[in-house]
Protein backbone atom coordinates (compact mmCIF):
# COMPACT_ATOMS: atom_id res chain seq x y z
CA MET A 1 66.85 12.65 7.79
CA ASN A 2 64.98 9.40 8.26
CA ASN A 3 62.13 11.24 10.01
CA LYS A 4 61.79 13.61 7.08
CA LYS A 5 61.62 10.72 4.64
CA LEU A 6 59.03 8.97 6.81
CA LEU A 7 56.94 12.15 7.01
CA CYS A 8 57.16 12.61 3.24
CA CYS A 9 56.04 9.01 2.66
CA LEU A 10 53.10 9.41 5.02
CA GLN A 11 51.97 12.55 3.19
CA ASN A 12 52.01 10.67 -0.13
CA MET A 13 49.93 7.75 1.19
CA LYS A 14 46.18 7.44 1.35
CA ARG A 15 44.69 7.18 4.80
CA ARG A 16 41.47 7.68 6.70
CA LEU A 17 40.71 11.19 7.86
CA SER A 18 40.94 11.98 11.54
CA THR A 19 38.11 13.63 13.43
CA GLN A 20 40.01 16.95 13.54
CA GLU A 21 40.52 16.87 9.75
CA VAL A 22 36.82 16.19 9.13
CA ASP A 23 35.94 19.09 11.44
CA HIS A 24 38.38 21.29 9.50
CA ILE A 25 36.60 20.43 6.23
CA PHE A 26 33.25 21.46 7.73
CA GLU A 27 34.65 24.61 9.34
CA ASN A 28 32.42 27.60 8.48
CA PHE A 29 30.29 25.19 6.41
CA GLU A 30 27.17 27.38 6.80
CA ALA A 31 28.80 30.12 4.68
CA PHE A 32 28.58 27.82 1.63
CA PHE A 33 24.80 28.28 1.53
CA PRO A 34 22.98 31.47 0.46
CA ASN A 35 21.03 33.52 3.01
CA PHE A 36 17.91 34.11 0.90
CA ILE A 37 16.61 30.64 1.85
CA ASN A 38 14.20 30.42 4.77
CA GLN A 39 16.28 29.98 7.94
CA GLU A 40 14.56 26.81 9.11
CA GLN A 41 14.80 25.23 5.66
CA ARG A 42 18.39 26.41 5.32
CA GLN A 43 19.40 24.83 8.62
CA ALA A 44 17.57 21.58 7.77
CA ILE A 45 19.40 21.40 4.40
CA ILE A 46 22.75 22.10 6.05
CA ASP A 47 22.23 19.40 8.70
CA HIS A 48 21.10 16.87 6.10
CA ILE A 49 24.03 17.46 3.72
CA LYS A 50 26.52 17.73 6.57
CA GLY A 51 25.40 14.45 8.11
CA GLY A 52 25.63 12.59 4.79
CA LEU A 53 29.04 14.00 3.89
CA ARG A 54 30.46 13.34 7.37
CA GLU A 55 29.36 9.71 7.14
CA GLN A 56 30.99 9.32 3.70
CA LEU A 57 34.22 11.06 4.67
CA SER A 58 34.66 8.90 7.77
CA GLY A 59 34.80 5.77 5.61
CA CYS A 60 36.95 6.87 2.67
CA GLU A 61 40.72 7.26 2.26
CA VAL A 62 42.28 10.44 0.83
CA TYR A 63 45.73 11.98 0.48
CA PRO A 64 46.48 14.45 3.32
CA GLN A 65 47.61 17.16 0.91
CA ALA A 66 44.25 16.93 -0.94
CA ILE A 67 42.14 17.96 2.09
CA ASP A 68 42.05 21.66 1.16
CA ASP A 69 41.25 20.82 -2.48
CA LEU A 70 38.44 18.59 -1.23
CA ARG A 71 37.00 21.43 0.82
CA SER A 72 37.15 23.79 -2.19
CA SER A 73 35.49 21.21 -4.44
CA MET A 74 32.67 20.71 -1.93
CA ARG A 75 32.03 24.46 -1.83
CA GLU A 76 31.97 24.66 -5.62
CA MET A 77 29.59 21.69 -5.98
CA ILE A 78 27.21 23.12 -3.36
CA ALA A 79 27.17 26.47 -5.20
CA ARG A 80 26.42 24.72 -8.51
CA ALA A 81 23.68 22.61 -6.92
CA ILE A 82 21.65 25.60 -5.72
CA ILE A 83 18.69 26.11 -8.06
CA PRO A 84 17.80 29.70 -8.95
CA PRO A 85 14.41 30.90 -7.66
CA GLY A 86 11.63 30.28 -10.17
CA GLU A 87 13.29 27.30 -11.85
CA SER A 88 10.80 24.81 -13.37
CA VAL A 89 11.95 21.86 -11.29
CA GLY A 90 8.87 19.84 -12.27
CA ILE A 91 10.10 19.63 -15.87
CA LEU A 92 13.50 18.34 -14.74
CA CYS A 93 11.84 15.84 -12.42
CA SER A 94 9.46 14.52 -15.10
CA GLN A 95 12.27 14.24 -17.66
CA SER A 96 14.46 12.24 -15.28
CA ILE A 97 11.71 9.88 -14.15
CA GLY A 98 10.09 9.62 -17.60
CA GLU A 99 13.39 8.59 -19.14
CA ARG A 100 13.64 5.73 -16.64
CA GLN A 101 10.02 4.66 -17.17
CA THR A 102 10.56 4.53 -20.94
CA GLN A 103 13.53 2.22 -20.45
CA LEU A 104 11.50 0.02 -18.09
CA THR A 105 8.82 -0.29 -20.78
CA LEU A 106 11.42 -1.39 -23.34
CA ASN A 107 12.94 -3.88 -20.89
CA SER A 108 9.54 -5.45 -20.25
CA PHE A 109 9.56 -6.92 -23.79
CA HIS A 110 12.59 -9.04 -22.90
CA SER A 111 10.64 -10.92 -20.22
CA SER A 112 7.34 -11.34 -22.10
CA GLY A 113 6.05 -14.90 -21.97
CA LEU A 114 8.08 -15.88 -18.93
CA ASN A 115 6.27 -17.36 -15.95
CA VAL A 116 7.74 -14.91 -13.42
CA SER A 117 6.24 -12.39 -11.05
CA THR A 118 6.99 -8.97 -12.54
CA VAL A 119 4.23 -7.09 -10.75
CA THR A 120 6.32 -5.94 -7.79
CA THR A 121 8.91 -4.32 -10.09
CA GLY A 122 9.06 -2.66 -13.45
CA VAL A 123 6.35 -0.76 -15.29
CA PRO A 124 3.25 -2.38 -13.65
CA ARG A 125 4.45 -1.57 -10.14
CA PHE A 126 5.59 1.90 -11.24
CA LEU A 127 2.10 2.65 -12.56
CA GLU A 128 0.49 1.29 -9.39
CA VAL A 129 2.52 3.71 -7.27
CA LEU A 130 1.89 6.74 -9.51
CA ASN A 131 -1.83 5.99 -9.86
CA ALA A 132 -2.14 5.36 -6.08
CA THR A 133 -3.93 2.07 -6.74
CA LYS A 134 -6.03 1.03 -3.74
CA GLU A 135 -6.06 -2.67 -4.69
CA PRO A 136 -2.63 -3.68 -6.05
CA LYS A 137 -2.41 -6.88 -8.08
CA ALA A 138 0.13 -8.37 -5.67
CA SER A 139 -0.38 -7.08 -2.15
CA ILE A 140 2.26 -8.61 0.13
CA ASN A 141 3.03 -8.32 3.85
CA SER A 142 6.18 -9.74 5.43
CA PHE A 143 7.20 -10.14 9.06
CA LEU A 144 9.33 -12.08 11.53
CA LEU A 145 8.18 -14.09 14.52
CA LYS A 146 9.08 -13.21 18.11
CA ASN A 147 10.33 -16.76 18.70
CA LYS A 148 13.26 -17.13 16.28
CA GLU A 149 13.98 -20.75 17.29
CA LEU A 150 10.83 -22.35 15.84
CA THR A 151 11.26 -25.00 13.17
CA LEU A 152 9.47 -24.97 9.83
CA GLN A 153 6.85 -27.49 11.00
CA GLN A 154 6.23 -25.59 14.24
CA ILE A 155 5.69 -22.34 12.33
CA ARG A 156 3.23 -24.07 10.01
CA GLN A 157 1.27 -25.47 12.97
CA LEU A 158 1.32 -22.12 14.78
CA LEU A 159 0.25 -19.87 11.92
CA GLY A 160 -1.77 -22.24 9.73
CA PRO A 161 -5.20 -21.72 11.35
CA ARG A 162 -4.53 -18.06 12.23
CA LEU A 163 -3.37 -16.42 9.00
CA LYS A 164 -5.02 -17.72 5.84
CA ALA A 165 -8.67 -16.75 5.57
CA VAL A 166 -10.82 -19.91 5.36
CA TYR A 167 -14.45 -19.32 4.42
CA PHE A 168 -17.32 -21.75 4.66
CA SER A 169 -17.29 -22.13 0.87
CA ASP A 170 -13.76 -23.61 1.14
CA LEU A 171 -14.89 -26.39 3.49
CA TYR A 172 -17.57 -28.32 1.63
CA GLU A 173 -17.51 -30.37 -1.54
CA THR A 174 -21.26 -30.99 -2.09
CA GLU A 175 -24.46 -29.27 -1.02
CA GLN A 176 -28.14 -30.19 -1.21
CA ILE A 177 -31.37 -28.35 -0.40
CA GLU A 178 -33.98 -30.57 1.28
CA PHE A 179 -37.48 -29.29 2.04
CA HIS A 180 -38.29 -32.35 4.18
CA LYS A 181 -35.09 -33.44 5.82
CA SER A 182 -34.96 -37.12 6.67
CA GLU A 183 -33.72 -38.39 10.04
CA GLU A 184 -29.98 -38.92 10.47
CA PRO A 185 -28.47 -41.37 13.01
CA TRP A 186 -26.70 -38.58 14.96
CA TYR A 187 -29.77 -36.37 15.42
CA GLU A 188 -30.93 -38.03 18.62
CA PRO A 189 -27.58 -37.84 20.52
CA PHE A 190 -27.13 -34.27 19.24
CA GLU A 191 -30.54 -33.40 20.67
CA TYR A 192 -29.56 -34.72 24.09
CA LEU A 193 -26.17 -32.98 24.13
CA TYR A 194 -26.97 -29.57 22.62
CA SER A 195 -30.46 -28.52 21.55
CA CYS A 196 -33.69 -29.75 20.00
CA ASP A 197 -34.66 -26.45 18.32
CA PHE A 198 -33.92 -27.84 14.90
CA ARG A 199 -36.85 -30.27 15.26
CA PHE A 200 -39.32 -27.42 14.69
CA ASN A 201 -37.99 -26.75 11.17
CA SER A 202 -37.99 -29.12 8.22
CA HIS A 203 -36.27 -26.97 5.57
CA CYS A 204 -32.59 -27.79 5.50
CA ILE A 205 -29.38 -27.28 3.52
CA SER A 206 -26.98 -30.21 3.91
CA TYR A 207 -23.24 -29.81 3.32
CA LYS A 208 -20.71 -32.62 2.92
CA LEU A 209 -17.41 -31.26 4.25
CA ARG A 210 -13.84 -31.89 3.10
CA LYS A 211 -11.99 -33.77 5.81
CA ASP A 212 -8.55 -32.85 4.46
CA VAL A 213 -9.25 -29.11 4.80
CA LEU A 214 -10.63 -29.56 8.31
CA TYR A 215 -7.48 -31.44 9.30
CA GLU A 216 -5.11 -28.98 7.58
CA TYR A 217 -6.50 -25.94 9.40
CA ASN A 218 -7.42 -27.73 12.64
CA ILE A 219 -11.12 -26.82 12.36
CA SER A 220 -13.67 -28.72 14.44
CA LEU A 221 -17.32 -29.12 13.48
CA LEU A 222 -18.39 -27.40 16.69
CA ASP A 223 -16.32 -24.35 15.67
CA ILE A 224 -18.28 -24.23 12.43
CA LYS A 225 -21.56 -24.53 14.33
CA ARG A 226 -20.74 -21.70 16.73
CA THR A 227 -19.48 -19.40 13.97
CA ILE A 228 -22.55 -19.81 11.75
CA GLU A 229 -25.08 -19.51 14.58
CA ASN A 230 -23.38 -16.32 15.82
CA LYS A 231 -23.97 -14.76 12.40
CA PHE A 232 -27.69 -15.63 12.12
CA ASP A 233 -30.51 -15.78 14.65
CA ASP A 234 -33.00 -17.79 12.59
CA ILE A 235 -30.96 -20.86 11.64
CA TYR A 236 -29.98 -23.98 13.59
CA VAL A 237 -26.87 -25.99 12.81
CA VAL A 238 -26.61 -29.73 13.43
CA VAL A 239 -23.17 -31.32 13.07
CA SER A 240 -22.37 -34.99 12.57
CA PRO A 241 -19.47 -36.98 14.02
CA LEU A 242 -16.18 -36.21 12.30
CA SER A 243 -16.20 -39.53 10.46
CA TYR A 244 -19.31 -38.37 8.52
CA ALA A 245 -18.17 -34.72 8.21
CA GLN A 246 -21.65 -33.37 7.49
CA VAL A 247 -23.31 -30.12 8.53
CA ASP A 248 -27.10 -29.67 8.33
CA ILE A 249 -28.41 -26.10 8.51
CA PHE A 250 -32.12 -25.82 9.37
CA LEU A 251 -33.93 -22.62 8.39
CA ASP A 252 -36.67 -20.89 10.35
CA VAL A 253 -39.09 -19.87 7.58
CA SER A 254 -41.89 -18.56 9.80
CA VAL A 255 -41.21 -14.89 8.92
CA ILE A 256 -41.12 -15.67 5.18
CA LEU A 257 -44.32 -17.68 5.49
CA GLU A 258 -46.13 -14.77 7.18
CA GLU A 259 -45.06 -12.39 4.42
CA LEU A 260 -46.33 -14.73 1.72
CA GLN A 261 -49.62 -15.37 3.56
CA GLN A 262 -50.37 -11.64 3.61
CA ASN A 263 -50.68 -11.77 -0.17
CA ASP A 264 -52.32 -15.20 -0.31
CA ARG A 265 -54.35 -16.50 2.68
CA SER A 266 -54.38 -20.05 1.32
CA PHE A 267 -50.58 -20.25 1.22
CA THR A 268 -49.18 -22.98 3.51
CA GLU A 269 -45.74 -24.17 4.47
CA SER A 270 -45.97 -27.16 2.15
CA SER A 271 -46.39 -24.72 -0.76
CA LEU A 272 -42.91 -23.28 -0.22
CA GLU A 273 -41.34 -26.18 -2.05
CA ASP A 274 -42.91 -25.11 -5.36
CA ASN A 275 -42.64 -21.36 -4.79
CA ILE A 276 -40.13 -19.83 -7.17
CA LEU A 277 -39.55 -16.80 -4.90
CA PHE A 278 -38.54 -19.02 -1.97
CA GLN A 279 -36.21 -21.10 -4.12
CA THR A 280 -34.60 -17.92 -5.46
CA PHE A 281 -34.26 -16.67 -1.89
CA LEU A 282 -32.36 -19.81 -0.91
CA GLU A 283 -30.12 -19.87 -4.00
CA ASP A 284 -29.29 -16.17 -4.34
CA ILE A 285 -29.38 -14.89 -0.74
CA ILE A 286 -29.04 -17.61 1.89
CA LYS A 287 -26.38 -19.80 0.24
CA PRO A 288 -24.09 -16.91 -0.82
CA ARG A 289 -24.25 -15.42 2.67
CA LEU A 290 -23.36 -18.77 4.19
CA ASP A 291 -20.43 -19.13 1.78
CA GLU A 292 -19.05 -15.73 2.88
CA ILE A 293 -18.82 -16.64 6.58
CA LEU A 294 -15.23 -16.50 7.84
CA ILE A 295 -14.48 -19.69 9.78
CA CYS A 296 -10.87 -18.98 10.75
CA GLY A 297 -7.92 -16.80 9.76
CA ILE A 298 -7.70 -13.12 8.85
CA PRO A 299 -9.97 -11.53 6.22
CA LYS A 300 -8.31 -10.72 2.85
CA ILE A 301 -5.32 -12.98 3.60
CA LYS A 302 -5.19 -15.45 0.70
CA ASN A 303 -2.09 -17.44 1.57
CA PHE A 304 1.25 -17.30 3.36
CA TYR A 305 4.74 -18.56 2.57
CA ILE A 306 7.64 -19.39 4.88
CA MET A 307 11.18 -18.66 3.72
CA LYS A 308 14.59 -17.95 5.19
CA GLU A 309 15.45 -14.31 5.79
CA THR A 310 18.80 -14.85 4.06
CA MET A 311 20.41 -17.89 2.50
CA GLN A 312 22.92 -18.20 5.36
CA SER A 313 20.44 -17.40 8.15
CA ASP A 314 18.39 -19.88 10.18
CA ILE A 315 15.71 -17.26 10.91
CA TYR A 316 12.47 -17.68 8.98
CA LYS A 317 10.52 -14.84 7.42
CA ILE A 318 6.82 -15.11 6.59
CA GLU A 319 5.34 -13.48 3.49
CA VAL A 320 1.57 -13.06 3.42
CA GLU A 321 -0.43 -12.68 0.22
CA GLY A 322 -3.15 -10.11 0.89
CA ASN A 323 -3.45 -6.90 2.86
CA ASN A 324 -4.84 -6.58 6.36
CA MET A 325 -2.13 -4.88 8.37
CA TYR A 326 -4.48 -3.99 11.23
CA GLU A 327 -5.39 -7.60 12.00
CA LEU A 328 -1.80 -8.80 11.56
CA LEU A 329 -0.66 -6.38 14.25
CA LYS A 330 -3.10 -8.02 16.67
CA ASN A 331 -1.30 -11.36 16.40
CA SER A 332 0.82 -11.80 19.53
CA ASN A 333 3.31 -14.09 17.76
CA ILE A 334 4.39 -11.44 15.23
CA GLU A 335 7.29 -9.07 15.82
CA THR A 336 5.45 -5.85 15.07
CA GLN A 337 8.61 -3.82 14.30
CA SER A 338 9.41 -6.16 11.39
CA LEU A 339 5.98 -5.98 9.73
CA LYS A 340 6.20 -4.49 6.22
CA THR A 341 3.68 -4.07 3.42
CA ASN A 342 3.76 -2.93 -0.20
CA ASN A 343 0.30 -1.34 -0.05
CA MET A 344 0.58 2.42 0.41
CA TRP A 345 -3.03 2.76 1.59
CA GLU A 346 -2.46 0.30 4.43
CA VAL A 347 0.52 2.39 5.55
CA TYR A 348 -1.56 5.58 5.25
CA ARG A 349 -4.45 4.20 7.31
CA MET A 350 -2.24 2.71 10.03
CA LEU A 351 0.75 5.07 10.31
CA GLY A 352 -0.23 8.35 8.66
CA VAL A 353 0.96 10.52 5.80
CA GLU A 354 4.60 10.92 6.96
CA ALA A 355 5.12 7.15 7.00
CA THR A 356 3.42 6.97 3.60
CA ARG A 357 5.82 9.59 2.25
CA LYS A 358 8.81 7.56 3.41
CA PHE A 359 7.26 4.35 2.03
CA LEU A 360 6.65 5.91 -1.42
CA LEU A 361 10.22 7.22 -1.56
CA GLU A 362 11.71 3.82 -0.69
CA GLU A 363 9.35 2.02 -3.09
CA LEU A 364 10.25 4.30 -6.01
CA LYS A 365 13.95 3.90 -5.25
CA SER A 366 13.65 0.10 -5.29
CA ILE A 367 11.70 0.15 -8.58
CA VAL A 368 14.19 2.46 -10.26
CA SER A 369 17.24 0.58 -9.02
CA SER A 370 15.82 -2.89 -9.78
CA ASP A 371 18.22 -3.30 -12.72
CA GLY A 372 21.09 -1.20 -11.42
CA THR A 373 20.20 2.20 -12.90
CA PHE A 374 20.19 5.45 -10.93
CA ILE A 375 17.93 8.50 -10.59
CA ASN A 376 18.85 11.48 -8.46
CA PRO A 377 16.85 11.04 -5.21
CA CYS A 378 15.93 14.75 -5.35
CA HIS A 379 13.62 14.06 -8.31
CA LEU A 380 11.90 11.18 -6.51
CA LEU A 381 11.64 13.26 -3.33
CA LEU A 382 9.93 16.09 -5.25
CA LEU A 383 7.42 13.66 -6.76
CA VAL A 384 6.66 12.06 -3.37
CA ASN A 385 6.27 15.46 -1.68
CA ILE A 386 3.74 16.53 -4.32
CA MET A 387 1.76 13.30 -3.88
CA THR A 388 1.53 13.73 -0.07
CA PHE A 389 1.55 17.54 0.24
CA HIS A 390 -2.17 17.87 1.07
CA GLY A 391 -2.13 15.30 3.88
CA GLN A 392 -3.46 12.43 1.76
CA ILE A 393 -2.23 10.39 -1.18
CA GLN A 394 -2.86 12.00 -4.55
CA SER A 395 -2.32 10.16 -7.81
CA VAL A 396 -0.13 11.50 -10.61
CA SER A 397 -1.13 10.95 -14.24
CA ARG A 398 0.08 12.30 -17.57
CA TYR A 399 -2.14 15.36 -16.97
CA GLY A 400 -0.41 16.16 -13.68
CA VAL A 401 -1.44 15.82 -10.05
CA LYS A 402 -5.06 14.88 -9.53
CA LYS A 403 -7.29 17.65 -8.04
CA GLU A 404 -4.73 20.29 -9.05
CA THR A 405 -4.87 20.19 -12.85
CA ASP A 406 -8.23 21.91 -13.36
CA SER A 407 -7.09 24.18 -16.18
CA VAL A 408 -9.00 23.47 -19.40
CA LEU A 409 -6.37 25.13 -21.58
CA ALA A 410 -3.57 23.16 -19.92
CA LYS A 411 -5.34 19.89 -20.71
CA ALA A 412 -6.17 21.02 -24.24
CA THR A 413 -2.55 21.92 -25.04
CA PHE A 414 -1.50 18.35 -24.27
CA GLU A 415 -3.89 16.16 -26.28
CA GLU A 416 -7.56 15.63 -27.23
CA THR A 417 -8.01 19.37 -27.67
CA LEU A 418 -11.53 19.30 -29.11
CA ASP A 419 -12.81 16.83 -26.49
CA HIS A 420 -11.58 18.99 -23.61
CA PHE A 421 -13.04 22.16 -25.12
CA SER A 422 -16.39 20.47 -25.75
CA LYS A 423 -16.59 19.05 -22.24
CA ALA A 424 -15.62 22.41 -20.70
CA ALA A 425 -18.27 24.22 -22.72
CA PHE A 426 -20.94 21.66 -21.88
CA PHE A 427 -20.33 21.88 -18.11
CA ALA A 428 -19.56 25.65 -18.12
CA GLU A 429 -16.10 25.28 -16.59
CA ASN A 430 -14.05 28.36 -15.66
CA GLU A 431 -10.46 29.06 -16.72
CA THR A 432 -8.31 31.04 -14.27
CA ILE A 433 -5.24 31.15 -16.58
CA ARG A 434 -2.81 30.38 -13.76
CA SER A 435 -0.99 27.37 -15.18
CA VAL A 436 2.11 27.69 -17.31
CA SER A 437 0.54 26.22 -20.45
CA SER A 438 -2.58 28.38 -20.32
CA SER A 439 -0.51 31.52 -19.60
CA ILE A 440 1.72 30.90 -22.61
CA MET A 441 -1.31 30.27 -24.83
CA CYS A 442 -2.98 33.53 -23.77
CA GLY A 443 0.17 35.65 -23.76
CA LYS A 444 0.15 36.15 -20.00
CA ARG A 445 3.38 36.31 -17.98
CA THR A 446 3.96 32.90 -16.42
CA LYS A 447 4.77 32.33 -12.76
CA ILE A 448 8.20 30.88 -13.49
CA GLY A 449 11.68 32.36 -13.64
CA SER A 450 11.67 36.13 -13.35
CA GLY A 451 7.91 36.11 -13.85
CA MET A 452 7.28 34.72 -10.37
CA ASN A 453 8.10 38.12 -8.81
CA ASP A 454 5.50 40.84 -8.39
CA VAL A 455 6.07 44.52 -7.60
CA VAL A 456 4.23 45.44 -4.40
CA VAL A 457 4.04 49.07 -3.32
CA ASP A 458 4.89 49.85 0.28
CA TRP A 459 2.42 52.60 1.19
CA LYS A 460 3.87 53.29 4.66
CA PRO A 461 6.19 56.14 3.56
CA PHE A 462 3.24 57.94 2.03
CA HIS A 463 1.04 59.98 4.35
CA ILE A 464 -2.47 59.46 3.12
CA THR A 465 -5.15 61.65 4.63
CA LYS A 466 -8.81 61.11 4.23
CA ILE A 467 -10.59 63.94 2.38
CA ASP A 468 -14.12 64.64 3.54
C-alpha cells in the first residue's frame, strides 16, 4: 500500500526527464515533417530542431503523465509551423523587422541630448547593418591577451607603442621652413656619428617635437629618422639630443632645380626662395606627406581602452577604436581566438561570407534585443541569407535588395512615380515584368502562391516522327 502511494506521489511531481523518456519523445520524429521538402534540407531542418529541443528538454522539469501530451503538442506545432509553398515570406519578414525598427526610432527620442554612445545600438547601428556601411561611425575591435596575469600598468607599457597609430603630425608642436639653415650645435657630432650628406643641401624644414608624446609612446629620435628616410630617397634627417627634441629635414632640390632651369636658363638655386611654385610644393605636397608618415602603431587604430572582462573577473579586455583586423592578428601578444570586431567588411575580408553571415545574424539579434524585445530568429535569418546569398554583402534599402530590384514598375509603385518613369525613359531601361508589384500592375499572374507553379508537358509518351 505504501509503495502504491509513493508511486502515485512520484507521478504527480515534476522531475527531469530521463534519457529514455527524451528518446521516446523523439521516436519516429522524422514522420512529423512533410516529404515534399528536398531531402538534404529536410534532414538539416530535422537535425537543427531536434538538437534544440533535446537541449531544452534535458534542462526542464515536467510531469511524467504529460510526456505523451508533450509529444502530441510538438507534432501539432511543427505541422502549424510549416509554410505552404509560394508563401510571401518576405512580407512577413519585413513586417516583423519593420515593426521593431519603428519602435527603436520612437525610443531614440527618449535619449536625445544625452552624452552617451548610442551608435552601437538602436536605429543608427540598425541602418549601418542594413546599408552595409563600409566605414561605421564607431568601429570597435576587442580581444584578450595571451598572458592573463599582467597588471594594468604592464598592459599599458606592452601595448602603448604597438596599437595606437602615431603619425609624424602628432609629434611636433611647431614647424618652420628655412631656405638657408643656420648651424646648430649638434650638427658636427651628428656628422661624425652618422652622415654628412645633409651638408650639401641648405633647404630645411625644422620641427620642434613634443617630449611628452615621445615619452608616452617610447619613441626615440633615431626611430623617427629611420622611418622618414625609409619613405623618401631625396631627404636627409638630422636629429638633436633628446633635451632639444628637434628634427631638421634637409631637402635635395636638385631635380626641381633642373626642371625649372629648362624653362628659364637664368634660374638659380637662390631664386627658389622667391618662387611661388616651390613654396606651394613645400606647403601642399612635402609637408602633408611628412605628416602622414606612420611612426609607430597600427594604421587606422585611433585609440585603445583597457577594462575588466567582467566586474568580478581579474582578466583585462582591450577595446580598440578603429578597424584593422589583419594587423591586429599579427600581434603575438593577442589571443587570436578572442578577437572580435563590429565591422562586417573586416569579417568578410578576413574570414569569408559564411563568417559574415553568422556575424550579421548575431549583430541583428543584439540590436533587436537591446531593450528586451524579441523577433523570431527565422525573420532575421531570412534577411541575412538574402544579404549574403550571392557570396558578397549586399545592402538592403526600402526599395529591396541592391542589384536585384531593377524593375521600373516596382520602384514606381512605391514612391516618386514620375521620377522613376522619367529616368527609365531617359536611359531606355527594360521592364521584364517579373516582380510581384509589376505583375499586379500589368495584370500578369504573379509568382507567388498557386501562381508559382507552371504546367510543363512531358513529351516522352508521345511518339513524334519527323516528316520529310
